[in-house]
């Protein structure tokens, strides 16, 4: 067996900063990255006795408001897909 160099089409998600082998994966990650950019989550906070033992679980749109996240993700994914379709016909 030998190693061969091959070229493959990859899709780049600029907001996510990654490359993907499938268009669907790139659109999915780009939509998630845009949503997280506009709705940044708050990290969990676990205090000790000095702070009052608050044990704040943090906040994330994906986990705390899943219906809203799914709606944004669906609409944004469709918009990205439509924009790519329009750009490819030029």
Protein backbone atom coordinates (compact mmCIF):
# COMPACT_ATOMS: atom_id res chain seq x y z
CA UNK A 1 0.00 0.00 0.00
CA UNK A 2 1.16 3.46 -0.79
CA UNK A 3 -0.06 6.90 0.13
CA UNK A 4 -1.62 9.00 -2.60
CA UNK A 5 -2.25 12.72 -2.72
CA UNK A 6 -5.82 13.52 -3.74
CA UNK A 7 -7.84 16.68 -4.03
CA UNK A 8 -11.31 16.89 -2.56
CA UNK A 9 -13.94 19.59 -2.37
CA UNK A 10 -14.24 21.02 1.11
CA UNK A 11 -16.63 23.65 2.42
CA UNK A 12 -15.41 26.41 4.72
CA UNK A 13 -17.58 27.89 7.47
CA UNK A 14 -16.00 31.32 8.11
CA UNK A 15 -17.73 32.15 11.40
CA UNK A 16 -16.94 28.70 12.78
CA UNK A 17 -13.43 28.83 11.30
CA UNK A 18 -13.44 25.21 10.10
CA UNK A 19 -13.53 23.18 6.90
CA UNK A 20 -16.03 20.38 6.28
CA UNK A 21 -16.35 17.61 3.72
CA UNK A 22 -20.11 18.06 3.29
CA UNK A 23 -22.10 21.19 2.55
CA UNK A 24 -24.74 20.20 5.09
CA UNK A 25 -22.19 19.96 7.92
CA UNK A 26 -20.70 23.34 7.00
CA UNK A 27 -24.13 25.01 6.93
CA UNK A 28 -25.06 23.41 10.27
CA UNK A 29 -21.88 24.56 12.01
CA UNK A 30 -22.02 28.04 10.45
CA UNK A 31 -25.61 28.52 11.65
CA UNK A 32 -24.68 27.37 15.16
CA UNK A 33 -21.65 29.67 15.23
CA UNK A 34 -23.72 32.69 14.14
CA UNK A 35 -26.37 31.95 16.78
CA UNK A 36 -23.72 31.55 19.50
CA UNK A 37 -22.10 34.81 18.37
CA UNK A 38 -25.39 36.71 18.77
CA UNK A 39 -26.52 34.86 21.91
CA UNK A 40 -23.37 34.07 23.89
CA UNK A 41 -23.97 31.77 26.81
CA UNK A 42 -23.01 32.41 30.41
CA UNK A 43 -20.66 29.79 31.86
CA UNK A 44 -21.66 27.79 34.92
CA UNK A 45 -20.58 29.22 38.25
CA UNK A 46 -20.00 27.09 41.30
CA UNK A 47 -19.36 29.14 44.42
CA UNK A 48 -18.09 28.29 47.82
CA UNK A 49 -19.40 29.38 51.20
CA UNK A 50 -17.97 32.90 50.81
CA UNK A 51 -20.31 33.63 47.89
CA UNK A 52 -23.39 31.97 49.36
CA UNK A 53 -23.32 28.58 47.58
CA UNK A 54 -25.17 29.92 44.55
CA UNK A 55 -24.31 27.05 42.09
CA UNK A 56 -25.47 29.05 39.08
CA UNK A 57 -25.92 26.57 36.19
CA UNK A 58 -25.21 29.24 33.55
CA UNK A 59 -27.28 29.95 30.47
CA UNK A 60 -27.31 28.65 26.91
CA UNK A 61 -29.92 29.34 24.25
CA UNK A 62 -29.59 25.78 22.96
CA UNK A 63 -30.29 24.19 26.34
CA UNK A 64 -32.49 26.74 28.12
CA UNK A 65 -34.74 27.70 25.19
CA UNK A 66 -34.51 24.77 22.75
CA UNK A 67 -37.62 25.71 20.74
CA UNK A 68 -36.26 29.18 20.06
CA UNK A 69 -32.84 27.78 19.17
CA UNK A 70 -34.35 25.24 16.77
CA UNK A 71 -36.41 27.93 15.04
CA UNK A 72 -33.38 30.23 14.65
CA UNK A 73 -31.24 27.33 13.46
CA UNK A 74 -33.80 26.20 10.89
CA UNK A 75 -34.33 29.71 9.48
CA UNK A 76 -30.65 30.60 9.45
CA UNK A 77 -29.67 27.29 7.82
CA UNK A 78 -32.23 27.86 5.08
CA UNK A 79 -30.96 31.42 4.52
CA UNK A 80 -27.34 30.23 4.27
CA UNK A 81 -28.34 27.45 1.87
CA UNK A 82 -30.31 29.89 -0.32
CA UNK A 83 -27.44 32.38 -0.36
CA UNK A 84 -25.03 29.63 -1.45
CA UNK A 85 -27.43 28.57 -4.22
CA UNK A 86 -27.66 32.15 -5.50
CA UNK A 87 -23.88 32.59 -5.41
CA UNK A 88 -23.28 29.35 -7.33
CA UNK A 89 -25.57 30.45 -10.21
CA UNK A 90 -23.61 33.66 -10.83
